[in-house]
Amino acid sequence: QVQLAESGGGSVESGGFLRLSCAASKVAYAGVCIGWFRQAPGKEREGLASIDSDWRHRHADSVKGRFFVSVDIAEKTMYLQMNSLKPEDTAMYYCAAGEMSHDSCARMGASAFRFWGQGTQVTVSS
């Protein structure tokens, strides 16, 4: 059973930065898509970034140029570097993984991801 655990959330002022980590266990990267999502109160879960099994990195338009996804295979850890944070970035952030096509991985639809971490809270104050 794949296990994912996020860390690195916290409270920052607008314009600040955070780096989230997602430690993964029992993930066989062949055919697997890994991604970052967030969910603010009263809103749907939003896909932010993903990495497919060919190591293509994609970012949602809403965070492109500010957020950057990366992975350290040896450490089995995925990261989300978040720069120039805004109050509207306040949300619970989740990492997720699942077997899917490259196209599905690029679409970052939450329903396609089978495994989820418990989430880490990010709060950005103005």
Foldseek 3Di string as FASTA:
>chain_A
DKAKAKDWADEEAAQAKIKMKIAIDPDDQVQKKKFKWWDAPPDDIGTAWIAHSVRDIEGDPVQPPFWDWDADVVRNMIMIIGGRDDQVVWTWMKMFMARDDPVCSNVRDVVRTDGIHPTDTHGYHD
